[in-house]
Protein backbone atom coordinates (compact mmCIF):
# COMPACT_ATOMS: atom_id res chain seq x y z
CA UNK A 1 -131.63 144.57 57.41
CA UNK A 2 -131.78 147.37 54.87
CA UNK A 3 -131.93 150.15 57.48
CA UNK A 4 -128.77 148.84 59.13
CA UNK A 5 -127.01 148.60 55.76
CA UNK A 6 -127.99 152.17 54.85
CA UNK A 7 -126.49 153.37 58.10
CA UNK A 8 -123.33 151.40 57.35
CA UNK A 9 -123.04 153.08 53.93
CA UNK A 10 -123.38 156.48 55.54
CA UNK A 11 -120.83 155.71 58.27
CA UNK A 12 -118.32 154.23 55.81
CA UNK A 13 -118.46 157.37 53.70
CA UNK A 14 -118.12 159.57 56.78
CA UNK A 15 -115.10 157.61 57.91
CA UNK A 16 -113.26 156.95 54.65
CA UNK A 17 -114.38 159.71 52.31
CA UNK A 18 -114.84 158.86 48.63
CA UNK A 19 -115.67 155.19 47.88
CA UNK A 20 -116.75 153.49 44.68
CA UNK A 21 -119.84 151.32 44.42
CA UNK A 22 -117.60 148.27 44.04
CA UNK A 23 -115.68 149.15 47.23
CA UNK A 24 -118.91 149.64 49.17
CA UNK A 25 -120.28 146.36 47.85
CA UNK A 26 -117.15 144.49 48.90
CA UNK A 27 -117.18 146.06 52.37
CA UNK A 28 -120.87 145.33 52.93
CA UNK A 29 -120.80 141.90 51.20
CA UNK A 30 -123.64 142.80 48.81
CA UNK A 31 -123.93 143.29 45.07
CA UNK A 32 -123.09 146.54 43.28
CA UNK A 33 -126.73 146.75 42.20
CA UNK A 34 -127.75 146.70 45.89
CA UNK A 35 -125.35 149.59 46.56
CA UNK A 36 -126.98 151.61 43.76
CA UNK A 37 -130.41 151.04 45.34
CA UNK A 38 -129.08 152.01 48.78
CA UNK A 39 -127.58 155.23 47.41
CA UNK A 40 -130.94 156.10 45.82
CA UNK A 41 -132.63 155.47 49.17
CA UNK A 42 -130.21 157.77 50.95
CA UNK A 43 -130.81 160.45 48.32
CA UNK A 44 -134.57 160.13 48.86
CA UNK A 45 -134.04 160.50 52.62
CA UNK A 46 -132.29 163.83 52.07
CA UNK A 47 -128.71 162.75 52.72
CA UNK A 48 -126.37 165.07 50.74
CA UNK A 49 -124.64 162.25 48.87
CA UNK A 50 -123.30 162.62 45.34
CA UNK A 51 -121.27 160.51 42.95
CA UNK A 52 -118.71 161.22 40.26
CA UNK A 53 -118.30 159.04 37.18
CA UNK A 54 -115.01 157.99 35.70
CA UNK A 55 -111.86 156.16 36.74
CA UNK A 56 -111.30 158.29 39.87
CA UNK A 57 -114.97 158.70 40.67
CA UNK A 58 -117.06 157.38 43.50
CA UNK A 59 -119.59 158.41 46.10
CA UNK A 60 -118.97 160.92 48.84
CA UNK A 61 -120.88 163.12 51.25
CA UNK A 62 -121.20 166.85 50.91
CA UNK A 63 -118.34 168.55 52.77
CA UNK A 64 -119.22 169.27 56.38
CA UNK A 65 -122.03 166.71 56.62
CA UNK A 66 -121.43 164.36 59.54
CA UNK A 67 -122.89 163.25 62.84
CA UNK A 68 -120.53 164.33 65.59
CA UNK A 69 -120.11 162.56 68.91
CA UNK A 70 -119.99 165.44 71.36
CA UNK A 71 -118.49 165.61 74.84
CA UNK A 72 -115.53 163.26 74.23
CA UNK A 73 -112.03 164.41 75.06
CA UNK A 74 -109.01 163.06 73.19
CA UNK A 75 -108.10 160.84 76.14
CA UNK A 76 -111.62 159.44 76.36
CA UNK A 77 -111.69 158.60 72.66
CA UNK A 78 -108.29 156.88 72.95
CA UNK A 79 -109.50 154.86 75.94
CA UNK A 80 -112.62 153.70 74.10
CA UNK A 81 -110.57 152.31 71.23
CA UNK A 82 -108.03 150.74 73.57
CA UNK A 83 -110.84 148.98 75.47
CA UNK A 84 -112.06 147.18 72.36
CA UNK A 85 -110.32 143.80 72.68
CA UNK A 86 -111.13 141.73 69.56
CA UNK A 87 -110.13 138.29 70.90
CA UNK A 88 -112.39 138.14 73.98
CA UNK A 89 -115.19 139.90 72.08
CA UNK A 90 -115.07 137.21 69.39
CA UNK A 91 -115.11 134.45 72.03
CA UNK A 92 -118.26 135.99 73.50
CA UNK A 93 -119.86 136.06 70.04
CA UNK A 94 -119.56 139.86 69.85
CA UNK A 95 -116.79 140.18 67.26
CA UNK A 96 -118.96 141.72 64.54
CA UNK A 97 -120.75 143.90 67.10
CA UNK A 98 -117.41 145.30 68.27
CA UNK A 99 -116.30 146.00 64.71
CA UNK A 100 -119.58 147.80 63.94
CA UNK A 101 -119.39 149.79 67.17
CA UNK A 102 -115.86 150.95 66.39
CA UNK A 103 -116.91 151.89 62.86
CA UNK A 104 -119.74 154.03 64.24
CA UNK A 105 -117.43 155.63 66.78
CA UNK A 106 -114.84 156.47 64.10
CA UNK A 107 -117.51 158.04 61.91
CA UNK A 108 -118.91 160.15 64.74
CA UNK A 109 -115.57 161.50 65.95
CA UNK A 110 -114.18 164.77 64.63
CA UNK A 111 -111.12 164.20 62.40
CA UNK A 112 -108.58 165.27 65.02
CA UNK A 113 -109.97 162.91 67.68
CA UNK A 114 -110.33 160.08 65.17
CA UNK A 115 -106.64 160.38 64.24
CA UNK A 116 -105.57 160.26 67.88
CA UNK A 117 -107.82 157.29 68.67
CA UNK A 118 -106.61 155.31 65.67
CA UNK A 119 -103.01 156.11 66.60
CA UNK A 120 -103.64 154.70 70.08
CA UNK A 121 -105.12 151.52 68.59
CA UNK A 122 -102.15 151.09 66.24
CA UNK A 123 -99.58 151.49 69.04
CA UNK A 124 -101.03 149.24 71.76
CA UNK A 125 -102.14 145.61 71.56
CA UNK A 126 -103.31 143.40 74.41
CA UNK A 127 -102.54 139.66 74.23
CA UNK A 128 -103.73 138.31 77.58
CA UNK A 129 -102.59 134.64 77.68
CA UNK A 130 -99.08 133.72 78.78
CA UNK A 131 -96.43 132.53 76.35
CA UNK A 132 -96.67 128.86 77.25
CA UNK A 133 -100.43 128.70 77.66
CA UNK A 134 -102.47 127.03 74.94
CA UNK A 135 -105.79 128.57 74.01
CA UNK A 136 -108.68 127.01 75.91
CA UNK A 137 -111.54 125.50 73.94
CA UNK A 138 -114.62 127.30 75.27
CA UNK A 139 -117.50 126.23 72.99
CA UNK A 140 -120.17 127.05 75.59
CA UNK A 141 -118.95 130.60 76.29
CA UNK A 142 -121.49 132.47 74.10
CA UNK A 143 -124.37 130.56 75.74
CA UNK A 144 -122.97 131.24 79.21
CA UNK A 145 -122.57 134.94 78.39
CA UNK A 146 -126.14 135.12 77.10
CA UNK A 147 -127.42 133.45 80.28
CA UNK A 148 -125.45 135.93 82.39
CA UNK A 149 -126.95 138.85 80.49
CA UNK A 150 -130.53 137.58 80.62
CA UNK A 151 -130.36 136.07 84.15
CA UNK A 152 -131.26 132.56 83.00
CA UNK A 153 -130.55 129.44 85.06
CA UNK A 154 -128.08 126.89 83.67
CA UNK A 155 -127.94 123.12 84.02
CA UNK A 156 -124.36 122.04 83.43
CA UNK A 157 -122.19 118.97 83.56
CA UNK A 158 -118.89 120.14 84.99
CA UNK A 159 -115.46 118.54 85.27
CA UNK A 160 -113.56 119.30 88.47
CA UNK A 161 -110.16 118.13 89.73
CA UNK A 162 -111.32 115.93 92.63
CA UNK A 163 -113.42 112.76 92.60
CA UNK A 164 -116.07 112.40 91.42
CA UNK A 165 -114.66 114.47 88.58
CA UNK A 166 -117.83 114.90 86.48
CA UNK A 167 -120.72 116.44 88.39
CA UNK A 168 -124.10 118.00 87.55
CA UNK A 169 -124.79 121.52 88.77
CA UNK A 170 -127.70 123.96 88.65
CA UNK A 171 -126.11 127.40 88.34
CA UNK A 172 -127.33 130.96 88.57
CA UNK A 173 -124.72 132.82 86.47
CA UNK A 174 -123.85 136.14 88.11
CA UNK A 175 -120.93 137.21 85.92
CA UNK A 176 -117.94 136.32 83.74
CA UNK A 177 -114.28 137.14 84.39
CA UNK A 178 -111.38 136.90 81.94
CA UNK A 179 -108.15 136.19 83.84
CA UNK A 180 -104.85 135.60 82.02
CA UNK A 181 -106.65 134.42 78.88
CA UNK A 182 -108.98 132.04 80.73
CA UNK A 183 -112.72 132.57 81.28
CA UNK A 184 -114.29 132.02 84.71
CA UNK A 185 -117.97 131.95 85.60
CA UNK A 186 -119.06 133.28 88.98
CA UNK A 187 -122.38 131.62 89.82
CA UNK A 188 -124.73 130.96 92.69
CA UNK A 189 -125.76 129.50 94.93
CA UNK A 190 -122.68 130.38 96.93
CA UNK A 191 -121.36 132.00 94.86
CA UNK A 192 -118.57 129.79 93.54
CA UNK A 193 -116.13 130.09 90.65
CA UNK A 194 -116.14 127.73 87.65
CA UNK A 195 -113.79 127.47 84.68
CA UNK A 196 -115.90 127.84 81.54
CA UNK A 197 -113.63 125.50 79.55
CA UNK A 198 -114.46 122.71 82.04
CA UNK A 199 -118.19 122.83 81.26
CA UNK A 200 -118.82 119.59 79.37
CA UNK A 201 -122.54 119.98 78.68
CA UNK A 202 -124.90 122.90 79.08
CA UNK A 203 -128.62 123.59 78.92
CA UNK A 204 -130.17 127.05 79.29
CA UNK A 205 -133.45 126.81 81.22
CA UNK A 206 -136.53 128.99 80.87
CA UNK A 207 -136.20 129.74 84.57
CA UNK A 208 -135.00 133.24 85.48
CA UNK A 209 -133.26 134.37 88.67
CA UNK A 210 -132.27 137.59 90.37
CA UNK A 211 -128.67 138.01 91.61
CA UNK A 212 -128.38 139.15 95.23
CA UNK A 213 -128.80 142.91 95.46
CA UNK A 214 -125.51 143.29 97.30
CA UNK A 215 -123.47 141.16 94.87
CA UNK A 216 -120.50 143.02 93.38
CA UNK A 217 -118.55 141.07 90.73
CA UNK A 218 -115.34 143.13 91.02
CA UNK A 219 -115.36 142.96 94.81
CA UNK A 220 -116.03 139.22 94.78
CA UNK A 221 -113.19 138.56 92.35
CA UNK A 222 -110.73 140.60 94.41
CA UNK A 223 -111.64 138.64 97.54
CA UNK A 224 -111.47 135.35 95.61
CA UNK A 225 -107.95 136.12 94.37
CA UNK A 226 -106.77 137.11 97.84
CA UNK A 227 -108.16 133.90 99.31
CA UNK A 228 -106.65 131.84 96.48
CA UNK A 229 -103.17 133.22 97.11
CA UNK A 230 -103.56 132.73 100.86
CA UNK A 231 -104.45 129.06 100.32
CA UNK A 232 -101.84 128.57 97.61
CA UNK A 233 -98.73 128.88 99.78
CA UNK A 234 -99.25 126.91 102.99
CA UNK A 235 -95.62 126.03 103.70
CA UNK A 236 -92.13 127.52 103.77
CA UNK A 237 -88.64 126.44 102.77
CA UNK A 238 -85.35 127.76 104.12
CA UNK A 239 -82.89 128.01 101.23
CA UNK A 240 -79.53 129.39 100.16
CA UNK A 241 -79.44 130.96 96.70
CA UNK A 242 -76.47 131.62 94.44
CA UNK A 243 -75.99 135.20 93.15
CA UNK A 244 -77.61 134.45 89.80
CA UNK A 245 -80.67 132.66 91.18
CA UNK A 246 -82.56 135.74 92.36
CA UNK A 247 -83.35 136.86 88.80
CA UNK A 248 -84.98 133.47 88.09
CA UNK A 249 -87.54 133.78 90.90
CA UNK A 250 -90.96 135.27 90.21
CA UNK A 251 -94.17 136.11 92.07
CA UNK A 252 -94.40 135.25 95.76
CA UNK A 253 -90.91 133.71 95.84
CA UNK A 254 -89.32 136.90 94.47
CA UNK A 255 -91.23 139.03 96.97
CA UNK A 256 -90.22 136.76 99.87
CA UNK A 257 -86.58 136.90 98.80
CA UNK A 258 -86.67 140.69 98.82
CA UNK A 259 -88.31 140.71 102.26
CA UNK A 260 -86.38 137.93 104.07
CA UNK A 261 -83.12 137.53 102.13
CA UNK A 262 -79.88 138.05 104.02
CA UNK A 263 -76.46 137.96 102.30
CA UNK A 264 -73.80 135.52 103.48
CA UNK A 265 -69.99 135.83 103.30
CA UNK A 266 -69.67 133.54 100.27
CA UNK A 267 -71.98 135.75 98.18
CA UNK A 268 -75.02 133.49 98.49
CA UNK A 269 -78.32 134.66 100.04
CA UNK A 270 -80.26 132.89 102.78
CA UNK A 271 -84.05 133.33 102.59
CA UNK A 272 -87.37 131.81 103.60
CA UNK A 273 -89.55 131.19 100.56
CA UNK A 274 -93.25 130.18 100.42
CA UNK A 275 -94.09 126.81 98.87
CA UNK A 276 -97.36 125.29 97.70
CA UNK A 277 -96.52 121.68 98.53
CA UNK A 278 -93.53 119.35 98.77
CA UNK A 279 -94.22 118.03 95.26
CA UNK A 280 -94.42 121.49 93.73
CA UNK A 281 -91.36 122.75 95.63
CA UNK A 282 -89.39 119.65 94.63
CA UNK A 283 -89.86 120.43 90.95
CA UNK A 284 -89.35 124.19 91.35
CA UNK A 285 -86.06 123.88 93.22
CA UNK A 286 -84.77 121.19 90.87
CA UNK A 287 -85.25 123.70 88.06
CA UNK A 288 -82.73 126.00 89.79
CA UNK A 289 -80.10 123.28 89.59
CA UNK A 290 -76.88 124.03 91.48
CA UNK A 291 -77.94 127.62 92.20
CA UNK A 292 -79.98 126.59 95.26
CA UNK A 293 -79.41 124.64 98.47
CA UNK A 294 -82.52 123.68 100.42
CA UNK A 295 -81.88 123.65 104.18
CA UNK A 296 -85.39 122.76 105.25
CA UNK A 297 -87.89 121.32 105.76
CA UNK A 298 -86.02 118.01 106.18
CA UNK A 299 -88.52 116.05 104.04
CA UNK A 300 -87.93 118.35 101.06
CA UNK A 301 -84.15 118.31 101.50
CA UNK A 302 -84.18 114.49 101.66
CA UNK A 303 -86.28 114.19 98.50
CA UNK A 304 -83.97 116.54 96.59
CA UNK A 305 -80.92 114.63 97.83
CA UNK A 306 -82.41 111.32 96.70
CA UNK A 307 -83.28 112.75 93.30
CA UNK A 308 -79.77 114.16 92.94
CA UNK A 309 -78.20 110.79 93.77
CA UNK A 310 -80.45 109.04 91.26
CA UNK A 311 -79.51 111.52 88.54
CA UNK A 312 -75.81 111.24 89.37
CA UNK A 313 -75.93 107.43 89.18
CA UNK A 314 -77.86 107.50 85.93
CA UNK A 315 -75.47 109.80 84.14
CA UNK A 316 -72.39 108.17 85.65
CA UNK A 317 -73.41 104.77 84.25
CA UNK A 318 -74.08 106.32 80.86
């Protein structure tokens, strides 16, 4: 819309100073002729905008003319720019909205605050997913986000890990959470948690809903994480670890080693570590190679011994 473009011209000039018609046209993705008409419209509206001809010419605002954003401290301005995460915003369909919002914020800030905010943005970058995680394909995320915002009921076909794997669900979307680069939908009735990338089909219904008055997304997610971790580690393994193995443990295993580890005369450490399952522990302890000795449970020790014998025979024959 023309009114939005006029505001963009004004904010660009406030932020960057002198700009030529060609530069404005490129930034706004319009023709130079359109920029000339927009400048005339701003003149007619009383904006103190003037242009200089020649090689070093261009348009600029009269010195001192700007809209200031009052009440912001330097720290608050820095925090606002640091909170603008382009990746998740783009996934939600808000990439251009974020860019426009940051442009308006830059233009409204006094020069000293703008410099500090831009310095913060140039020094810190958030990349949420882990190194070995591939980006999830979340084609339905913008629709889900819109349904969350407008309290619209969803009909979805969802893929879960247990049989039957593909199920139909009627969901009341309460909120979205981004965790380690992966989007989760918290939805009623329940509520329950759903991975957005596992939504196979989606239809937004005309039906509206009202989330429970006492529902708190942050509180729910904190309780969900605590319950997840409590259910994750339902067993224990008694192990001996070589001196170099401690640095290779992470998460709950590292914390358990610090809490229960006791040194032995040969330099190894005896500890009780949490395990998710025999299968998971089997693979995890194999990855430590000769730096670990599993003392129990007996089933896990037997499986590791059998695997070790199989590997020894295989490489001996080779």
